[in-house]
Amino acid sequence: MDHRADVAPLGARRPGVRTWRRTLRALALTGRARDAYPGPDARGVLQLGPGPSASALLEDRGPLAPPRLLRPRQGRLGDCWVMAPMVALHETAPERLRALLSAEQDGIVSVHLPGLAEPLRVDRRFPVDERGVFQYGRRDGANPGWVGVLEKAIAAHIAGDYAFLQRGFARFGFEILLGERVHSQLRMPSAAQIIAWRAEHRAIAASTHPFSARVPSAAGPLPANHVFAVVGADARSGHVHLRNPVRPSALLVLDARSFRRGFLSVDVTGPLG
C-alpha cells in the first residue's frame, strides 16, 4: 500500500493542539491574555458551577477586603499553583492583591488582571457542600472574600470551570496575578540567596516533586506535586521558611538538605517594592 498520501510534506504546518498548558502560557503573558470562558450572563458577570468538591453555590455576605488582609487559604481544590503565589504576594506586597479588585453594587466585583484590557466581573456566590460550608479559596479563618473572588475570576477566565484550574505551574500563577514574566530555576537557592531575594521584595514559590512524600518535616511528609510560598530563611542555620497554602498560618521550617531533597523548582518574581 502506498502511504505517501499520509505523510505531510516537509515544512507543512501542523495543526495547533489546544491544551491547558498552552492556554495558560498564552493567558499568562502580559498583553496576550484572552478570555477562554464562553461568555458572561446578561449582566456581563462570569458564572461558574460548584466544581468537583461542592454541591451548590452560596452568596458570601462577609467582608470583601478589610484594611487588614488575612492570608489566602487553599480549599478543596488542587489549585496550589495559584494559591501559593497568592500567599507569597500577600507576604511581600499585599496591596498588589487589593489593587486587583473593585467592588460594585449588588455583590458584583470587577477583577483587574494585569494581562487583560478589560476587567472580569464576578459575583460573590461561591461553592459550598451540603451543610453550606464554603469549599474553595478563602481568607484564612474567615469567609471567601477577596480570595474567593480572585480564584473565581481566574477559574472563569482560564478554564471556564473550577475543575480545570487544578493543574498548573507556579510561575503562571504569578504571571496572571502580576502581568509580568517570572523567573524559574531548578537549582535550589541557599538561605543567603533567599534572604537577598526577600530583601529586594521578591515573592518566591517552591514546588515539590512526585517523590517529595519521602521527605519528612515537622508537619509530616511533604505533599507531592504541591506548591509552597517561600517567605524567608535563617542565615545562621541555613533553614528555609515556607508557608503551605492549605495551612498558611503555620510556618514550616526545613533544613537545607530537606529543602534540596523535597523541592524540584523555585519561581521568583522581580522586585515588588
Protein backbone atom coordinates (compact mmCIF):
# COMPACT_ATOMS: atom_id res chain seq x y z
CA MET A 1 0.00 0.00 0.00
CA ASP A 2 1.25 3.49 -0.87
CA HIS A 3 1.49 5.60 2.31
CA ARG A 4 2.73 8.75 0.61
CA ALA A 5 -0.68 10.39 0.89
CA ASP A 6 -0.49 10.04 4.68
CA VAL A 7 2.84 11.84 5.00
CA ALA A 8 2.79 15.62 5.34
CA PRO A 9 5.33 17.41 3.13
CA LEU A 10 8.40 18.83 4.86
CA GLY A 11 7.77 22.28 6.24
CA ALA A 12 4.00 21.80 6.37
CA ARG A 13 2.44 23.45 9.39
CA ARG A 14 0.91 21.05 11.88
CA PRO A 15 -2.49 21.94 13.26
CA GLY A 16 -2.30 23.52 16.71
CA VAL A 17 -3.45 21.37 19.59
CA ARG A 18 -5.16 23.28 22.37
CA THR A 19 -4.02 22.06 25.76
CA TRP A 20 -4.43 23.52 29.24
CA ARG A 21 -0.67 24.18 29.38
CA ARG A 22 -0.68 26.10 26.09
CA THR A 23 -3.76 28.02 27.18
CA LEU A 24 -2.11 29.02 30.47
CA ARG A 25 1.09 30.02 28.70
CA ALA A 26 -0.83 32.27 26.33
CA LEU A 27 -3.03 33.77 29.01
CA ALA A 28 -0.25 34.48 31.46
CA LEU A 29 1.89 36.65 29.18
CA THR A 30 1.35 40.36 29.54
CA GLY A 31 -0.69 41.78 26.68
CA ARG A 32 -1.57 38.34 25.31
CA ALA A 33 -4.25 37.26 27.76
CA ARG A 34 -7.57 36.33 26.21
CA ASP A 35 -10.91 35.24 27.52
CA ALA A 36 -11.21 31.45 27.47
CA TYR A 37 -14.65 31.49 29.11
CA PRO A 38 -17.64 31.02 26.75
CA GLY A 39 -19.24 34.25 27.88
CA PRO A 40 -20.85 36.23 30.70
CA ASP A 41 -24.53 36.35 31.61
CA ALA A 42 -26.89 39.17 30.63
CA ARG A 43 -25.35 41.43 33.28
CA GLY A 44 -21.83 40.84 31.99
CA VAL A 45 -20.99 38.69 35.01
CA LEU A 46 -18.98 35.47 34.61
CA GLN A 47 -20.71 32.41 36.05
CA LEU A 48 -19.33 29.08 37.29
CA GLY A 49 -20.86 25.89 38.63
CA PRO A 50 -19.93 24.38 42.01
CA GLY A 51 -16.99 22.42 40.64
CA PRO A 52 -15.65 19.00 41.69
CA SER A 53 -15.79 19.23 45.50
CA ALA A 54 -19.01 21.14 46.15
CA SER A 55 -22.73 20.76 45.53
CA ALA A 56 -24.17 24.26 45.35
CA LEU A 57 -23.40 27.98 45.38
CA LEU A 58 -23.98 30.32 48.31
CA GLU A 59 -23.61 34.09 48.48
CA ASP A 60 -20.74 35.32 50.61
CA ARG A 61 -22.01 38.19 52.77
CA GLY A 62 -18.81 38.62 54.77
CA PRO A 63 -16.13 41.30 54.30
CA LEU A 64 -14.51 41.55 50.88
CA ALA A 65 -11.13 43.16 51.58
CA PRO A 66 -10.87 44.83 55.02
CA PRO A 67 -7.92 47.10 55.87
CA ARG A 68 -6.04 44.07 57.23
CA LEU A 69 -5.88 41.40 54.55
CA LEU A 70 -5.93 37.93 56.08
CA ARG A 71 -3.74 35.32 54.41
CA PRO A 72 -5.26 33.42 51.49
CA ARG A 73 -6.02 29.77 52.20
CA GLN A 74 -6.43 26.97 49.68
CA GLY A 75 -9.58 24.88 49.98
CA ARG A 76 -10.66 21.56 48.48
CA LEU A 77 -9.40 22.46 45.02
CA GLY A 78 -5.97 21.49 43.69
CA ASP A 79 -5.04 24.99 42.58
CA CYS A 80 -1.91 25.47 44.70
CA TRP A 81 -0.18 26.92 41.62
CA VAL A 82 -2.49 29.96 42.05
CA MET A 83 -2.91 29.94 45.84
CA ALA A 84 0.79 29.64 46.79
CA PRO A 85 1.74 32.66 44.63
CA MET A 86 -1.18 34.47 46.26
CA VAL A 87 0.28 33.65 49.70
CA ALA A 88 3.76 34.74 48.56
CA LEU A 89 2.40 38.06 47.25
CA HIS A 90 0.44 38.57 50.46
CA GLU A 91 3.73 38.20 52.39
CA THR A 92 5.55 40.59 50.05
CA ALA A 93 3.22 43.19 48.54
CA PRO A 94 -0.37 42.68 49.74
CA GLU A 95 -1.57 45.94 48.20
CA ARG A 96 -0.83 44.43 44.77
CA LEU A 97 -3.63 41.97 45.51
CA ARG A 98 -6.02 44.59 46.85
CA ALA A 99 -5.48 46.71 43.72
CA LEU A 100 -6.88 43.90 41.55
CA LEU A 101 -10.40 44.35 42.98
CA SER A 102 -13.11 46.98 42.61
CA ALA A 103 -16.41 46.40 44.42
CA GLU A 104 -19.60 47.30 42.56
CA GLN A 105 -23.24 47.17 43.63
CA ASP A 106 -25.30 44.02 44.25
CA GLY A 107 -22.30 41.93 45.30
CA ILE A 108 -20.51 42.23 41.94
CA VAL A 109 -16.73 42.67 41.92
CA SER A 110 -14.55 43.78 39.00
CA VAL A 111 -11.24 41.91 38.87
CA HIS A 112 -8.45 43.74 37.04
CA LEU A 113 -5.98 41.05 35.97
CA PRO A 114 -2.93 42.91 34.59
CA GLY A 115 -2.78 40.95 31.33
CA LEU A 116 -6.33 41.91 30.33
CA ALA A 117 -7.56 45.07 28.65
CA GLU A 118 -10.95 44.84 30.39
CA PRO A 119 -11.83 43.75 33.96
CA LEU A 120 -13.60 40.48 34.67
CA ARG A 121 -16.87 40.84 36.57
CA VAL A 122 -17.84 38.09 39.02
CA ASP A 123 -20.45 37.76 41.75
CA ARG A 124 -19.80 36.53 45.28
CA ARG A 125 -21.65 33.23 45.05
CA PHE A 126 -19.14 30.53 45.93
CA PRO A 127 -19.19 26.71 46.09
CA VAL A 128 -20.44 25.06 49.30
CA ASP A 129 -21.08 21.50 50.47
CA GLU A 130 -24.40 20.06 51.66
CA ARG A 131 -24.01 21.83 55.01
CA GLY A 132 -23.46 25.23 53.38
CA VAL A 133 -19.71 25.36 54.19
CA PHE A 134 -17.53 27.17 51.64
CA GLN A 135 -15.20 24.67 49.98
CA TYR A 136 -12.57 26.53 47.98
CA GLY A 137 -10.25 29.51 48.47
CA ARG A 138 -10.97 31.84 51.37
CA ARG A 139 -9.42 34.27 53.82
CA ASP A 140 -7.66 32.18 56.46
CA GLY A 141 -10.10 31.56 59.29
CA ALA A 142 -12.83 33.63 57.67
CA ASN A 143 -15.15 33.92 54.65
CA PRO A 144 -14.00 33.64 50.99
CA GLY A 145 -13.87 37.43 50.50
CA TRP A 146 -11.21 38.71 48.14
CA VAL A 147 -9.55 35.29 47.90
CA GLY A 148 -12.71 33.62 46.61
CA VAL A 149 -13.30 36.46 44.16
CA LEU A 150 -9.80 36.22 42.66
CA GLU A 151 -9.96 32.42 42.46
CA LYS A 152 -13.36 32.55 40.76
CA ALA A 153 -12.29 35.17 38.22
CA ILE A 154 -9.13 33.26 37.33
CA ALA A 155 -11.04 29.97 37.04
CA ALA A 156 -13.64 31.54 34.76
CA HIS A 157 -11.09 33.29 32.61
CA ILE A 158 -8.56 30.49 32.21
CA ALA A 159 -10.74 27.40 32.16
CA GLY A 160 -14.43 28.30 32.39
CA ASP A 161 -14.71 25.83 35.28
CA TYR A 162 -13.22 25.28 38.72
CA ALA A 163 -12.22 21.70 37.88
CA PHE A 164 -9.79 22.70 35.14
CA LEU A 165 -7.98 25.09 37.48
CA GLN A 166 -6.48 22.13 39.30
CA ARG A 167 -3.28 21.81 37.29
CA GLY A 168 -0.70 24.45 36.57
CA PHE A 169 2.73 25.91 37.29
CA ALA A 170 3.50 28.48 39.98
CA ARG A 171 5.14 30.91 37.59
CA PHE A 172 1.90 31.12 35.62
CA GLY A 173 0.07 31.89 38.85
CA PHE A 174 2.47 34.78 39.48
CA GLU A 175 2.22 35.98 35.90
CA ILE A 176 -1.56 36.01 35.95
CA LEU A 177 -1.63 37.99 39.20
CA LEU A 178 1.20 40.39 38.28
CA GLY A 179 1.15 40.60 34.49
CA GLU A 180 4.94 40.13 34.50
CA ARG A 181 7.25 37.33 33.44
CA VAL A 182 8.62 35.30 36.33
CA HIS A 183 11.97 33.55 36.57
CA SER A 184 12.02 29.79 37.25
CA GLN A 185 15.06 27.77 38.27
CA LEU A 186 15.70 24.12 39.03
CA ARG A 187 18.68 24.70 41.31
CA MET A 188 17.53 25.19 44.89
CA PRO A 189 18.69 28.53 46.33
CA SER A 190 20.72 28.82 49.51
CA ALA A 191 19.38 30.56 52.61
CA ALA A 192 21.60 33.55 51.76
CA GLN A 193 20.08 33.81 48.29
CA ILE A 194 16.54 33.61 49.68
CA ILE A 195 17.34 36.33 52.21
CA ALA A 196 18.74 38.52 49.42
CA TRP A 197 15.63 38.00 47.29
CA ARG A 198 13.34 38.80 50.18
CA ALA A 199 15.35 41.96 50.93
CA GLU A 200 14.58 43.02 47.34
CA HIS A 201 10.87 42.43 47.98
CA ARG A 202 10.65 39.49 45.61
CA ALA A 203 7.88 36.90 46.04
CA ILE A 204 9.02 33.27 45.88
CA ALA A 205 7.25 29.94 45.40
CA ALA A 206 8.75 26.46 45.55
CA SER A 207 7.28 23.29 44.01
CA THR A 208 7.66 19.73 45.28
CA HIS A 209 8.00 16.67 43.05
CA PRO A 210 6.28 13.24 42.83
CA PHE A 211 8.60 11.69 45.46
CA SER A 212 8.51 14.52 47.99
CA ALA A 213 6.38 12.45 50.36
CA ARG A 214 9.58 10.56 51.24
CA VAL A 215 10.99 13.73 52.82
CA PRO A 216 9.88 14.23 56.45
CA SER A 217 9.15 17.61 58.00
CA ALA A 218 7.81 18.96 61.28
CA ALA A 219 4.33 18.93 59.69
CA GLY A 220 4.67 15.37 58.36
CA PRO A 221 5.83 14.15 54.94
CA LEU A 222 5.99 16.88 52.30
CA PRO A 223 2.98 16.71 49.96
CA ALA A 224 3.87 15.60 46.45
CA ASN A 225 3.35 17.89 43.45
CA HIS A 226 2.45 20.84 45.64
CA VAL A 227 3.47 24.50 45.74
CA PHE A 228 4.57 26.41 48.84
CA ALA A 229 5.29 30.10 49.38
CA VAL A 230 8.89 30.73 50.43
CA VAL A 231 8.79 33.53 53.00
CA GLY A 232 12.31 33.66 54.43
CA ALA A 233 15.38 31.82 55.68
CA ASP A 234 17.83 31.71 58.57
CA ALA A 235 21.34 32.82 57.64
CA ARG A 236 22.99 31.03 60.60
CA SER A 237 21.30 27.63 60.36
CA GLY A 238 20.53 27.62 56.62
CA HIS A 239 16.91 26.70 57.34
CA VAL A 240 14.24 27.75 54.83
CA HIS A 241 10.87 29.17 55.94
CA LEU A 242 7.77 28.22 53.96
CA ARG A 243 4.01 28.53 54.12
CA ASN A 244 1.71 25.84 52.80
CA PRO A 245 -1.37 27.47 51.19
CA VAL A 246 -3.51 24.75 52.79
CA ARG A 247 -2.30 25.83 56.28
CA PRO A 248 -0.89 29.33 55.69
CA SER A 249 -0.83 30.41 59.34
CA ALA A 250 1.73 27.72 60.24
CA LEU A 251 5.36 28.47 59.40
CA LEU A 252 7.15 25.37 58.08
CA VAL A 253 10.90 25.37 58.74
CA LEU A 254 13.06 22.99 56.70
CA ASP A 255 16.78 22.37 56.92
CA ALA A 256 18.75 23.00 53.74
CA ARG A 257 19.18 19.29 52.93
CA SER A 258 15.45 18.56 53.21
CA PHE A 259 14.69 21.61 51.10
CA ARG A 260 17.02 20.39 48.33
CA ARG A 261 15.60 16.84 48.52
CA GLY A 262 11.94 17.77 48.69
CA PHE A 263 11.64 20.54 46.13
CA LEU A 264 12.01 20.50 42.36
CA SER A 265 11.97 24.18 41.35
CA VAL A 266 11.55 27.73 42.58
CA ASP A 267 9.79 30.66 40.92
CA VAL A 268 10.93 34.20 41.74
CA THR A 269 9.27 37.49 40.82
CA GLY A 270 11.00 40.74 40.12
CA PRO A 271 11.26 43.32 42.93
CA LEU A 272 7.78 44.35 44.08
CA GLY A 273 8.86 47.15 46.42
